[in-house]
PDB file of N, CA and C in Angstrom:
ATOM      1  N   MET A   1      46.738  91.716  68.812  1.00  0.00           N
ATOM      2  CA  MET A   1      45.706  91.436  67.955  1.00  0.00           C
ATOM      3  C   MET A   1      46.277  91.587  66.736  1.00  0.00           C
ATOM      4  N   GLU A   2      45.784  90.573  65.796  1.00  0.00           N
ATOM      5  CA  GLU A   2      46.305  90.558  64.461  1.00  0.00           C
ATOM      6  C   GLU A   2      45.169  91.272  63.685  1.00  0.00           C
ATOM      7  N   PRO A   3      45.928  92.052  62.680  1.00  0.00           N
ATOM      8  CA  PRO A   3      44.962  92.986  61.715  1.00  0.00           C
ATOM      9  C   PRO A   3      44.191  92.200  60.967  1.00  0.00           C
ATOM     10  N   TRP A   4      42.986  92.679  60.919  1.00  0.00           N
ATOM     11  CA  TRP A   4      41.870  92.052  59.985  1.00  0.00           C
ATOM     12  C   TRP A   4      42.165  92.353  58.460  1.00  0.00           C
ATOM     13  N   ARG A   5      42.080  91.453  57.682  1.00  0.00           N
ATOM     14  CA  ARG A   5      42.211  91.861  56.330  1.00  0.00           C
ATOM     15  C   ARG A   5      40.950  91.340  55.379  1.00  0.00           C
ATOM     16  N   LEU A   6      40.201  92.282  54.893  1.00  0.00           N
ATOM     17  CA  LEU A   6      38.772  91.880  54.185  1.00  0.00           C
ATOM     18  C   LEU A   6      38.950  92.484  52.866  1.00  0.00           C
ATOM     19  N   GLU A   7      37.945  92.034  52.183  1.00  0.00           N
ATOM     20  CA  GLU A   7      37.778  92.395  50.484  1.00  0.00           C
ATOM     21  C   GLU A   7      36.209  92.635  50.470  1.00  0.00           C
ATOM     22  N   TYR A   8      35.862  94.059  49.927  1.00  0.00           N
ATOM     23  CA  TYR A   8      34.538  94.097  49.590  1.00  0.00           C
ATOM     24  C   TYR A   8      34.550  94.768  48.200  1.00  0.00           C
ATOM     25  N   THR A   9      33.864  94.005  47.236  1.00  0.00           N
ATOM     26  CA  THR A   9      33.733  94.475  45.833  1.00  0.00           C
ATOM     27  C   THR A   9      32.738  95.626  45.652  1.00  0.00           C
ATOM     28  N   THR A  10      32.932  96.634  45.240  1.00  0.00           N
ATOM     29  CA  THR A  10      31.983  97.587  44.890  1.00  0.00           C
ATOM     30  C   THR A  10      32.735  98.768  43.951  1.00  0.00           C
ATOM     31  N   LYS A  11      31.786  99.595  43.767  1.00  0.00           N
ATOM     32  CA  LYS A  11      32.252 100.908  42.837  1.00  0.00           C
ATOM     33  C   LYS A  11      33.315 101.734  43.596  1.00  0.00           C
ATOM     34  N   CYS A  12      34.390 101.939  43.041  1.00  0.00           N
ATOM     35  CA  CYS A  12      35.426 102.793  43.797  1.00  0.00           C
ATOM     36  C   CYS A  12      34.925 104.224  43.674  1.00  0.00           C
ATOM     37  N   PHE A  13      34.950 105.027  44.929  1.00  0.00           N
ATOM     38  CA  PHE A  13      34.613 106.372  44.988  1.00  0.00           C
ATOM     39  C   PHE A  13      35.603 107.411  44.025  1.00  0.00           C
ATOM     40  N   ASN A  14      36.859 106.690  43.661  1.00  0.00           N
ATOM     41  CA  ASN A  14      37.619 107.560  42.930  1.00  0.00           C
ATOM     42  C   ASN A  14      37.863 107.225  41.568  1.00  0.00           C
ATOM     43  N   CYS A  15      37.844 105.955  41.135  1.00  0.00           N
ATOM     44  CA  CYS A  15      38.143 105.463  39.689  1.00  0.00           C
ATOM     45  C   CYS A  15      36.882 105.076  38.922  1.00  0.00           C
ATOM     46  N   GLY A  16      35.802 104.838  39.842  1.00  0.00           N
ATOM     47  CA  GLY A  16      34.493 104.357  39.527  1.00  0.00           C
ATOM     48  C   GLY A  16      34.419 102.892  39.037  1.00  0.00           C
ATOM     49  N   GLU A  17      35.543 102.274  38.859  1.00  0.00           N
ATOM     50  CA  GLU A  17      35.449 100.830  38.665  1.00  0.00           C
ATOM     51  C   GLU A  17      34.906  99.973  39.577  1.00  0.00           C
ATOM     52  N   ILE A  18      34.134  98.918  39.500  1.00  0.00           N
ATOM     53  CA  ILE A  18      33.731  97.920  40.256  1.00  0.00           C
ATOM     54  C   ILE A  18      34.757  96.707  40.722  1.00  0.00           C
ATOM     55  N   VAL A  19      35.602  96.899  41.705  1.00  0.00           N
ATOM     56  CA  VAL A  19      36.694  96.120  42.113  1.00  0.00           C
ATOM     57  C   VAL A  19      36.734  95.945  43.480  1.00  0.00           C
ATOM     58  N   PRO A  20      37.569  95.053  43.885  1.00  0.00           N
ATOM     59  CA  PRO A  20      37.707  94.688  45.271  1.00  0.00           C
ATOM     60  C   PRO A  20      38.334  95.931  45.816  1.00  0.00           C
ATOM     61  N   GLN A  21      37.880  96.182  47.067  1.00  0.00           N
ATOM     62  CA  GLN A  21      38.278  97.403  47.947  1.00  0.00           C
ATOM     63  C   GLN A  21      39.134  96.573  49.084  1.00  0.00           C
ATOM     64  N   ILE A  22      40.280  96.707  49.204  1.00  0.00           N
ATOM     65  CA  ILE A  22      41.165  96.076  50.187  1.00  0.00           C
ATOM     66  C   ILE A  22      40.996  96.695  51.625  1.00  0.00           C
ATOM     67  N   ILE A  23      40.551  96.151  52.667  1.00  0.00           N
ATOM     68  CA  ILE A  23      40.399  96.557  54.017  1.00  0.00           C
ATOM     69  C   ILE A  23      41.196  96.015  55.001  1.00  0.00           C
ATOM     70  N   GLU A  24      41.896  96.852  55.662  1.00  0.00           N
ATOM     71  CA  GLU A  24      42.740  96.385  56.873  1.00  0.00           C
ATOM     72  C   GLU A  24      42.377  97.267  58.205  1.00  0.00           C
ATOM     73  N   ILE A  25      41.884  96.268  58.965  1.00  0.00           N
ATOM     74  CA  ILE A  25      41.716  96.882  60.387  1.00  0.00           C
ATOM     75  C   ILE A  25      42.367  96.517  61.611  1.00  0.00           C
ATOM     76  N   TYR A  26      43.031  97.665  62.168  1.00  0.00           N
ATOM     77  CA  TYR A  26      43.942  97.407  63.462  1.00  0.00           C
ATOM     78  C   TYR A  26      43.089  98.082  64.580  1.00  0.00           C
ATOM     79  N   PRO A  27      43.732  97.560  65.728  1.00  0.00           N
ATOM     80  CA  PRO A  27      42.891  98.297  66.928  1.00  0.00           C
ATOM     81  C   PRO A  27      42.795  99.606  67.008  1.00  0.00           C
ATOM     82  N   ASN A  28      43.776 100.463  66.401  1.00  0.00           N
ATOM     83  CA  ASN A  28      43.636 101.929  66.479  1.00  0.00           C
ATOM     84  C   ASN A  28      43.421 102.661  65.177  1.00  0.00           C
ATOM     85  N   GLN A  29      43.408 102.004  64.100  1.00  0.00           N
ATOM     86  CA  GLN A  29      43.235 102.592  62.694  1.00  0.00           C
ATOM     87  C   GLN A  29      42.699 101.694  61.620  1.00  0.00           C
ATOM     88  N   ALA A  30      42.326 102.034  60.542  1.00  0.00           N
ATOM     89  CA  ALA A  30      41.785 101.065  59.554  1.00  0.00           C
ATOM     90  C   ALA A  30      42.010 101.921  58.190  1.00  0.00           C
ATOM     91  N   PHE A  31      42.270 100.914  57.165  1.00  0.00           N
ATOM     92  CA  PHE A  31      42.588 101.611  55.878  1.00  0.00           C
ATOM     93  C   PHE A  31      41.576 100.902  54.749  1.00  0.00           C
ATOM     94  N   VAL A  32      41.245 101.844  53.710  1.00  0.00           N
ATOM     95  CA  VAL A  32      40.556 101.200  52.697  1.00  0.00           C
ATOM     96  C   VAL A  32      41.432 101.429  51.494  1.00  0.00           C
ATOM     97  N   GLU A  33      41.561 100.480  50.512  1.00  0.00           N
ATOM     98  CA  GLU A  33      42.581 100.861  49.362  1.00  0.00           C
ATOM     99  C   GLU A  33      41.930 100.156  48.127  1.00  0.00           C
ATOM    100  N   CYS A  34      41.711 100.806  47.140  1.00  0.00           N
ATOM    101  CA  CYS A  34      41.166 100.146  45.897  1.00  0.00           C
ATOM    102  C   CYS A  34      42.326  99.512  45.351  1.00  0.00           C
ATOM    103  N   SER A  35      41.782  98.310  44.929  1.00  0.00           N
ATOM    104  CA  SER A  35      42.826  97.289  44.181  1.00  0.00           C
ATOM    105  C   SER A  35      43.132  97.743  42.717  1.00  0.00           C
ATOM    106  N   ASN A  36      42.473  98.633  42.351  1.00  0.00           N
ATOM    107  CA  ASN A  36      42.447  99.168  40.976  1.00  0.00           C
ATOM    108  C   ASN A  36      43.432 100.478  40.744  1.00  0.00           C
ATOM    109  N   CYS A  37      43.193 101.686  41.191  1.00  0.00           N
ATOM    110  CA  CYS A  37      43.477 102.825  41.225  1.00  0.00           C
ATOM    111  C   CYS A  37      44.569 103.210  42.483  1.00  0.00           C
ATOM    112  N   LYS A  38      44.371 102.426  43.836  1.00  0.00           N
ATOM    113  CA  LYS A  38      45.098 102.443  44.693  1.00  0.00           C
ATOM    114  C   LYS A  38      44.931 103.886  45.483  1.00  0.00           C
ATOM    115  N   ALA A  39      43.684 104.299  45.244  1.00  0.00           N
ATOM    116  CA  ALA A  39      43.278 105.627  46.198  1.00  0.00           C
ATOM    117  C   ALA A  39      42.873 104.823  47.570  1.00  0.00           C
ATOM    118  N   LYS A  40      43.351 105.476  48.597  1.00  0.00           N
ATOM    119  CA  LYS A  40      43.311 105.025  49.936  1.00  0.00           C
ATOM    120  C   LYS A  40      42.699 105.899  51.109  1.00  0.00           C
ATOM    121  N   ARG A  41      41.714 105.461  51.925  1.00  0.00           N
ATOM    122  CA  ARG A  41      41.209 106.045  52.860  1.00  0.00           C
ATOM    123  C   ARG A  41      41.531 105.628  54.135  1.00  0.00           C
ATOM    124  N   TYR A  42      41.967 106.636  55.088  1.00  0.00           N
ATOM    125  CA  TYR A  42      42.589 106.264  56.372  1.00  0.00           C
ATOM    126  C   TYR A  42      41.567 106.697  57.456  1.00  0.00           C
ATOM    127  N   TYR A  43      41.262 105.709  58.608  1.00  0.00           N
ATOM    128  CA  TYR A  43      40.332 105.878  59.556  1.00  0.00           C
ATOM    129  C   TYR A  43      41.323 105.820  60.883  1.00  0.00           C
ATOM    130  N   ILE A  44      40.665 106.645  61.817  1.00  0.00           N
ATOM    131  CA  ILE A  44      41.511 106.539  63.174  1.00  0.00           C
ATOM    132  C   ILE A  44      40.350 106.230  64.310  1.00  0.00           C
ATOM    133  N   ILE A  45      40.642 105.690  65.219  1.00  0.00           N
ATOM    134  CA  ILE A  45      39.860 105.356  66.405  1.00  0.00           C
ATOM    135  C   ILE A  45      39.565 106.629  67.158  1.00  0.00           C
ATOM    136  N   ARG A  46      38.349 106.623  67.534  1.00  0.00           N
ATOM    137  CA  ARG A  46      37.550 107.867  68.206  1.00  0.00           C
ATOM    138  C   ARG A  46      37.051 107.438  69.470  1.00  0.00           C
ATOM    139  N   ARG A  47      36.519 106.519  69.515  1.00  0.00           N
ATOM    140  CA  ARG A  47      36.112 105.943  70.723  1.00  0.00           C
ATOM    141  C   ARG A  47      35.719 103.950  70.817  1.00  0.00           C
ATOM    142  N   VAL A  48      35.730 103.606  72.123  1.00  0.00           N
ATOM    143  CA  VAL A  48      35.242 102.223  72.344  1.00  0.00           C
ATOM    144  C   VAL A  48      34.276 102.082  73.538  1.00  0.00           C
ATOM    145  N   GLY A  49      33.514 101.123  73.381  1.00  0.00           N
ATOM    146  CA  GLY A  49      32.723 100.937  74.485  1.00  0.00           C
ATOM    147  C   GLY A  49      31.737  99.951  74.197  1.00  0.00           C
ATOM    148  N   ILE A  50      30.844  99.817  75.275  1.00  0.00           N
ATOM    149  CA  ILE A  50      29.690  98.824  75.096  1.00  0.00           C
ATOM    150  C   ILE A  50      28.473  99.537  74.521  1.00  0.00           C
ATOM    151  N   GLU A  51      27.924  99.304  73.292  1.00  0.00           N
ATOM    152  CA  GLU A  51      26.875  99.900  72.813  1.00  0.00           C
ATOM    153  C   GLU A  51      25.821  98.983  72.345  1.00  0.00           C
ATOM    154  N   ASP A  52      24.623  99.409  72.475  1.00  0.00           N
ATOM    155  CA  ASP A  52      23.447  98.360  71.831  1.00  0.00           C
ATOM    156  C   ASP A  52      23.541  98.722  70.173  1.00  0.00           C
ATOM    157  N   GLU A  53      22.638  97.756  69.789  1.00  0.00           N
ATOM    158  CA  GLU A  53      22.517  97.557  68.442  1.00  0.00           C
ATOM    159  C   GLU A  53      22.035  98.753  67.728  1.00  0.00           C
ATOM    160  N   SER A  54      21.413  99.812  68.377  1.00  0.00           N
ATOM    161  CA  SER A  54      20.814 101.066  67.730  1.00  0.00           C
ATOM    162  C   SER A  54      22.041 101.739  66.938  1.00  0.00           C
ATOM    163  N   ILE A  55      23.241 101.629  67.616  1.00  0.00           N
ATOM    164  CA  ILE A  55      24.391 102.473  67.056  1.00  0.00           C
ATOM    165  C   ILE A  55      24.504 102.259  65.528  1.00  0.00           C
ATOM    166  N   ILE A  56      24.199 100.661  65.166  1.00  0.00           N
ATOM    167  CA  ILE A  56      24.485 100.367  63.660  1.00  0.00           C
ATOM    168  C   ILE A  56      23.175 100.735  63.018  1.00  0.00           C
ATOM    169  N   LEU A  57      22.128 100.570  63.559  1.00  0.00           N
ATOM    170  CA  LEU A  57      20.707 100.962  62.956  1.00  0.00           C
ATOM    171  C   LEU A  57      20.591 102.356  62.644  1.00  0.00           C
ATOM    172  N   LYS A  58      21.054 103.195  63.375  1.00  0.00           N
ATOM    173  CA  LYS A  58      21.057 104.576  63.314  1.00  0.00           C
ATOM    174  C   LYS A  58      21.994 105.110  62.123  1.00  0.00           C
ATOM    175  N   GLU A  59      23.124 104.359  61.899  1.00  0.00           N
ATOM    176  CA  GLU A  59      24.164 104.629  60.837  1.00  0.00           C
ATOM    177  C   GLU A  59      23.366 104.011  59.493  1.00  0.00           C
ATOM    178  N   LYS A  60      22.799 102.939  59.563  1.00  0.00           N
ATOM    179  CA  LYS A  60      22.293 102.430  58.423  1.00  0.00           C
ATOM    180  C   LYS A  60      21.066 103.430  57.792  1.00  0.00           C
ATOM    181  N   ASN A  61      20.389 104.057  58.904  1.00  0.00           N
ATOM    182  CA  ASN A  61      19.188 104.758  58.505  1.00  0.00           C
ATOM    183  C   ASN A  61      19.385 106.091  57.883  1.00  0.00           C
ATOM    184  N   LYS A  62      20.825 106.790  58.018  1.00  0.00           N
ATOM    185  CA  LYS A  62      21.160 108.054  57.883  1.00  0.00           C
ATOM    186  C   LYS A  62      21.187 108.051  56.198  1.00  0.00           C
ATOM    187  N   GLU A  63      21.077 108.973  55.671  1.00  0.00           N
ATOM    188  CA  GLU A  63      21.492 109.363  54.245  1.00  0.00           C
ATOM    189  C   GLU A  63      22.958 109.742  54.028  1.00  0.00           C
ATOM    190  N   HIS A  64      23.264 108.966  53.054  1.00  0.00           N
ATOM    191  CA  HIS A  64      24.902 109.142  52.787  1.00  0.00           C
ATOM    192  C   HIS A  64      25.324 109.308  51.382  1.00  0.00           C
ATOM    193  N   LYS A  65      26.320 109.888  51.453  1.00  0.00           N
ATOM    194  CA  LYS A  65      26.810 110.472  49.829  1.00  0.00           C
ATOM    195  C   LYS A  65      27.210 109.120  48.940  1.00  0.00           C
ATOM    196  N   TYR A  66      27.868 108.006  49.499  1.00  0.00           N
ATOM    197  CA  TYR A  66      28.233 106.965  48.783  1.00  0.00           C
ATOM    198  C   TYR A  66      27.390 105.739  49.571  1.00  0.00           C
ATOM    199  N   ASP A  67      27.555 104.464  48.748  1.00  0.00           N
ATOM    200  CA  ASP A  67      26.937 103.517  49.554  1.00  0.00           C
ATOM    201  C   ASP A  67      27.635 103.185  50.765  1.00  0.00           C
ATOM    202  N   LEU A  68      26.631 102.475  51.670  1.00  0.00           N
ATOM    203  CA  LEU A  68      27.118 102.161  52.999  1.00  0.00           C
ATOM    204  C   LEU A  68      27.640 100.704  52.718  1.00  0.00           C
ATOM    205  N   TRP A  69      28.512 100.330  53.133  1.00  0.00           N
ATOM    206  CA  TRP A  69      29.091  98.878  53.276  1.00  0.00           C
ATOM    207  C   TRP A  69      28.700  98.182  54.696  1.00  0.00           C
ATOM    208  N   GLU A  70      28.325  97.104  54.439  1.00  0.00           N
ATOM    209  CA  GLU A  70      27.780  96.354  55.641  1.00  0.00           C
ATOM    210  C   GLU A  70      28.630  95.004  55.672  1.00  0.00           C
ATOM    211  N   LEU A  71      29.454  94.532  56.362  1.00  0.00           N
ATOM    212  CA  LEU A  71      30.204  93.461  56.506  1.00  0.00           C
ATOM    213  C   LEU A  71      30.159  92.702  57.673  1.00  0.00           C
ATOM    214  N   GLU A  72      30.487  91.330  57.697  1.00  0.00           N
ATOM    215  CA  GLU A  72      30.404  90.774  58.932  1.00  0.00           C
ATOM    216  C   GLU A  72      31.985  89.993  59.000  1.00  0.00           C
ATOM    217  N   TYR A  73      32.607  89.672  60.307  1.00  0.00           N
ATOM    218  CA  TYR A  73      33.809  89.112  60.560  1.00  0.00           C
ATOM    219  C   TYR A  73      33.736  88.242  61.450  1.00  0.00           C
ATOM    220  N   LYS A  74      33.918  86.944  61.457  1.00  0.00           N
ATOM    221  CA  LYS A  74      33.753  85.967  62.599  1.00  0.00           C
ATOM    222  C   LYS A  74      35.272  85.813  63.107  1.00  0.00           C
ATOM    223  N   THR A  75      35.426  86.247  64.481  1.00  0.00           N
ATOM    224  CA  THR A  75      36.871  86.370  65.015  1.00  0.00           C
ATOM    225  C   THR A  75      36.319  86.199  66.449  1.00  0.00           C
ATOM    226  N   ILE A  76      37.664  86.197  67.345  1.00  0.00           N
ATOM    227  CA  ILE A  76      37.702  86.386  68.674  1.00  0.00           C
ATOM    228  C   ILE A  76      37.538  87.674  69.041  1.00  0.00           C
ATOM    229  N   CYS A  77      36.426  88.138  69.711  1.00  0.00           N
ATOM    230  CA  CYS A  77      36.168  89.338  70.259  1.00  0.00           C
ATOM    231  C   CYS A  77      37.480  90.015  71.213  1.00  0.00           C
ATOM    232  N   PHE A  78      37.898  91.170  70.950  1.00  0.00           N
ATOM    233  CA  PHE A  78      38.744  91.687  71.775  1.00  0.00           C
ATOM    234  C   PHE A  78      38.391  91.971  73.220  1.00  0.00           C
ATOM    235  N   ASN A  79      36.994  92.099  73.410  1.00  0.00           N
ATOM    236  CA  ASN A  79      36.634  92.514  74.882  1.00  0.00           C
ATOM    237  C   ASN A  79      36.201  90.864  75.421  1.00  0.00           C
ATOM    238  N   CYS A  80      35.077  90.267  74.951  1.00  0.00           N
ATOM    239  CA  CYS A  80      34.614  89.144  75.599  1.00  0.00           C
ATOM    240  C   CYS A  80      35.231  87.813  75.499  1.00  0.00           C
ATOM    241  N   LYS A  81      36.292  87.839  74.361  1.00  0.00           N
ATOM    242  CA  LYS A  81      37.284  86.734  74.229  1.00  0.00           C
ATOM    243  C   LYS A  81      36.401  85.314  73.590  1.00  0.00           C
ATOM    244  N   LYS A  82      35.341  85.786  73.115  1.00  0.00           N
ATOM    245  CA  LYS A  82      34.514  84.645  72.412  1.00  0.00           C
ATOM    246  C   LYS A  82      34.449  84.717  70.934  1.00  0.00           C
ATOM    247  N   GLU A  83      34.374  83.669  70.285  1.00  0.00           N
ATOM    248  CA  GLU A  83      34.400  83.547  68.661  1.00  0.00           C
ATOM    249  C   GLU A  83      32.968  84.296  68.672  1.00  0.00           C
ATOM    250  N   SER A  84      32.949  85.182  67.789  1.00  0.00           N
ATOM    251  CA  SER A  84      31.621  85.849  67.533  1.00  0.00           C
ATOM    252  C   SER A  84      31.663  86.712  66.193  1.00  0.00           C
ATOM    253  N   ILE A  85      30.459  87.015  65.747  1.00  0.00           N
ATOM    254  CA  ILE A  85      30.226  87.854  64.572  1.00  0.00           C
ATOM    255  C   ILE A  85      30.429  89.251  65.000  1.00  0.00           C
ATOM    256  N   GLN A  86      31.572  89.932  64.336  1.00  0.00           N
ATOM    257  CA  GLN A  86      31.596  91.440  64.411  1.00  0.00           C
ATOM    258  C   GLN A  86      30.952  92.033  63.070  1.00  0.00           C
ATOM    259  N   LYS A  87      30.046  92.952  63.475  1.00  0.00           N
ATOM    260  CA  LYS A  87      29.230  93.495  62.362  1.00  0.00           C
ATOM    261  C   LYS A  87      30.031  94.726  62.144  1.00  0.00           C
ATOM    262  N   ILE A  88      30.441  95.208  60.744  1.00  0.00           N
ATOM    263  CA  ILE A  88      31.286  96.059  60.432  1.00  0.00           C
ATOM    264  C   ILE A  88      30.349  97.218  59.287  1.00  0.00           C
ATOM    265  N   ILE A  89      30.464  98.502  59.577  1.00  0.00           N
ATOM    266  CA  ILE A  89      29.667  99.321  59.079  1.00  0.00           C
ATOM    267  C   ILE A  89      30.686 100.489  58.497  1.00  0.00           C
ATOM    268  N   PHE A  90      30.744 100.392  57.090  1.00  0.00           N
ATOM    269  CA  PHE A  90      31.803 101.726  56.495  1.00  0.00           C
ATOM    270  C   PHE A  90      30.819 102.615  55.762  1.00  0.00           C
ATOM    271  N   THR A  91      31.066 103.889  56.193  1.00  0.00           N
ATOM    272  CA  THR A  91      30.469 105.027  55.446  1.00  0.00           C
ATOM    273  C   THR A  91      31.489 105.885  54.847  1.00  0.00           C
ATOM    274  N   GLU A  92      31.165 107.101  54.421  1.00  0.00           N
ATOM    275  CA  GLU A  92      32.390 108.143  53.793  1.00  0.00           C
ATOM    276  C   GLU A  92      33.113 108.557  54.975  1.00  0.00           C
ATOM    277  N   SER A  93      32.333 108.466  56.344  1.00  0.00           N
ATOM    278  CA  SER A  93      33.088 109.383  57.380  1.00  0.00           C
ATOM    279  C   SER A  93      33.187 108.568  58.528  1.00  0.00           C
ATOM    280  N   LYS A  94      32.784 107.282  58.534  1.00  0.00           N
ATOM    281  CA  LYS A  94      32.825 106.509  59.670  1.00  0.00           C
ATOM    282  C   LYS A  94      32.891 104.951  59.524  1.00  0.00           C
ATOM    283  N   LEU A  95      33.500 104.263  60.592  1.00  0.00           N
ATOM    284  CA  LEU A  95      33.733 102.924  60.336  1.00  0.00           C
ATOM    285  C   LEU A  95      33.232 102.439  61.685  1.00  0.00           C
ATOM    286  N   ILE A  96      32.413 101.612  61.875  1.00  0.00           N
ATOM    287  CA  ILE A  96      31.849 101.078  63.046  1.00  0.00           C
ATOM    288  C   ILE A  96      31.915  99.516  63.285  1.00  0.00           C
ATOM    289  N   ILE A  97      32.580  99.022  64.354  1.00  0.00           N
ATOM    290  CA  ILE A  97      32.718  97.562  64.607  1.00  0.00           C
ATOM    291  C   ILE A  97      31.844  97.327  65.791  1.00  0.00           C
ATOM    292  N   ARG A  98      30.918  96.316  65.742  1.00  0.00           N
ATOM    293  CA  ARG A  98      30.414  95.747  67.089  1.00  0.00           C
ATOM    294  C   ARG A  98      30.354  94.456  67.132  1.00  0.00           C
ATOM    295  N   CYS A  99      30.502  93.874  68.215  1.00  0.00           N
ATOM    296  CA  CYS A  99      30.591  92.518  68.589  1.00  0.00           C
ATOM    297  C   CYS A  99      28.995  91.979  68.769  1.00  0.00           C
ATOM    298  N   GLU A 100      28.725  90.924  68.065  1.00  0.00           N
ATOM    299  CA  GLU A 100      27.081  90.579  68.418  1.00  0.00           C
ATOM    300  C   GLU A 100      26.991  89.888  69.899  1.00  0.00           C
ATOM    301  N   GLU A 101      27.933  89.543  70.189  1.00  0.00           N
ATOM    302  CA  GLU A 101      28.042  88.738  71.614  1.00  0.00           C
ATOM    303  C   GLU A 101      27.835  89.617  72.667  1.00  0.00           C
ATOM    304  N   CYS A 102      28.746  90.596  72.828  1.00  0.00           N
ATOM    305  CA  CYS A 102      28.926  91.708  73.899  1.00  0.00           C
ATOM    306  C   CYS A 102      28.566  92.884  73.788  1.00  0.00           C
ATOM    307  N   GLY A 103      28.394  93.403  72.349  1.00  0.00           N
ATOM    308  CA  GLY A 103      28.116  94.838  72.227  1.00  0.00           C
ATOM    309  C   GLY A 103      29.510  95.684  72.354  1.00  0.00           C
ATOM    310  N   PHE A 104      30.557  95.171  72.233  1.00  0.00           N
ATOM    311  CA  PHE A 104      31.649  95.920  72.389  1.00  0.00           C
ATOM    312  C   PHE A 104      31.979  96.475  70.984  1.00  0.00           C
ATOM    313  N   THR A 105      32.255  97.857  71.049  1.00  0.00           N
ATOM    314  CA  THR A 105      31.946  98.728  69.676  1.00  0.00           C
ATOM    315  C   THR A 105      33.264  99.478  69.575  1.00  0.00           C
ATOM    316  N   ARG A 106      33.840  99.686  68.501  1.00  0.00           N
ATOM    317  CA  ARG A 106      34.857 100.547  67.971  1.00  0.00           C
ATOM    318  C   ARG A 106      34.535 101.452  67.051  1.00  0.00           C
ATOM    319  N   VAL A 107      34.597 102.746  67.238  1.00  0.00           N
ATOM    320  CA  VAL A 107      34.118 103.782  66.136  1.00  0.00           C
ATOM    321  C   VAL A 107      35.301 104.685  65.801  1.00  0.00           C
ATOM    322  N   TYR A 108      35.607 104.360  64.505  1.00  0.00           N
ATOM    323  CA  TYR A 108      36.626 104.907  63.832  1.00  0.00           C
ATOM    324  C   TYR A 108      36.113 106.192  63.001  1.00  0.00           C
ATOM    325  N   ASN A 109      36.840 107.437  62.844  1.00  0.00           N
ATOM    326  CA  ASN A 109      36.595 108.338  62.198  1.00  0.00           C
ATOM    327  C   ASN A 109      37.361 108.473  60.976  1.00  0.00           C
ATOM    328  N   PHE A 110      36.650 108.904  59.829  1.00  0.00           N
ATOM    329  CA  PHE A 110      37.574 109.283  58.392  1.00  0.00           C
ATOM    330  C   PHE A 110      38.513 110.329  58.785  1.00  0.00           C
ATOM    331  N   HIS A 111      39.800 110.250  58.520  1.00  0.00           N
ATOM    332  CA  HIS A 111      40.828 111.056  58.751  1.00  0.00           C
ATOM    333  C   HIS A 111      41.501 111.474  57.604  1.00  0.00           C
ATOM    334  N   ILE A 112      42.128 110.963  56.657  1.00  0.00           N
ATOM    335  CA  ILE A 112      42.465 111.475  55.371  1.00  0.00           C
ATOM    336  C   ILE A 112      42.373 110.597  54.170  1.00  0.00           C
ATOM    337  N   LEU A 113      42.620 111.019  53.191  1.00  0.00           N
ATOM    338  CA  LEU A 113      42.508 110.427  51.826  1.00  0.00           C
ATOM    339  C   LEU A 113      43.774 110.612  51.099  1.00  0.00           C
ATOM    340  N   GLU A 114      44.349 109.578  50.343  1.00  0.00           N
ATOM    341  CA  GLU A 114      45.576 109.635  49.614  1.00  0.00           C
ATOM    342  C   GLU A 114      45.172 109.146  48.200  1.00  0.00           C
ATOM    343  N   ILE A 115      45.367 110.004  47.382  1.00  0.00           N
ATOM    344  CA  ILE A 115      45.007 109.462  45.900  1.00  0.00           C
ATOM    345  C   ILE A 115      46.042 109.559  44.965  1.00  0.00           C
ATOM    346  N   PRO A 116      46.810 108.358  44.562  1.00  0.00           N
ATOM    347  CA  PRO A 116      48.255 108.540  43.985  1.00  0.00           C
ATOM    348  C   PRO A 116      48.218 109.276  42.515  1.00  0.00           C
ATOM    349  N   GLU A 117      49.235 109.936  42.370  1.00  0.00           N
ATOM    350  CA  GLU A 117      49.206 110.573  41.179  1.00  0.00           C
ATOM    351  C   GLU A 117      49.449 109.672  39.884  1.00  0.00           C
ATOM    352  N   GLU A 118      48.833 110.150  38.886  1.00  0.00           N
ATOM    353  CA  GLU A 118      49.030 109.169  37.639  1.00  0.00           C
ATOM    354  C   GLU A 118      50.080 109.108  36.964  1.00  0.00           C
TER     355      GLU A 118
END
């Protein structure tokens, strides 16, 4: 599986600038890096399986310290092998990816933060 590379423009949790956040998603880990200050968040896979849509709705309805990011990515699903929309939710502690076609879900947990020295 090729890594997914996405961008999401929002306020950086570290530098406070509204700039693209560079997102790289792999089968077992994911990274988010600020294009301005290079602060980087690492997520690692915690579980996979078939989940209903409530996993996304529950996460959207929780209170979060930072803004929740909601993205979509059209690609071939790792599980059902069909081209479909993958719903992606980022929070300060979690990343959830769910196939709209078959419900295959990957849940990543926040692992570590790297803030470059100035």
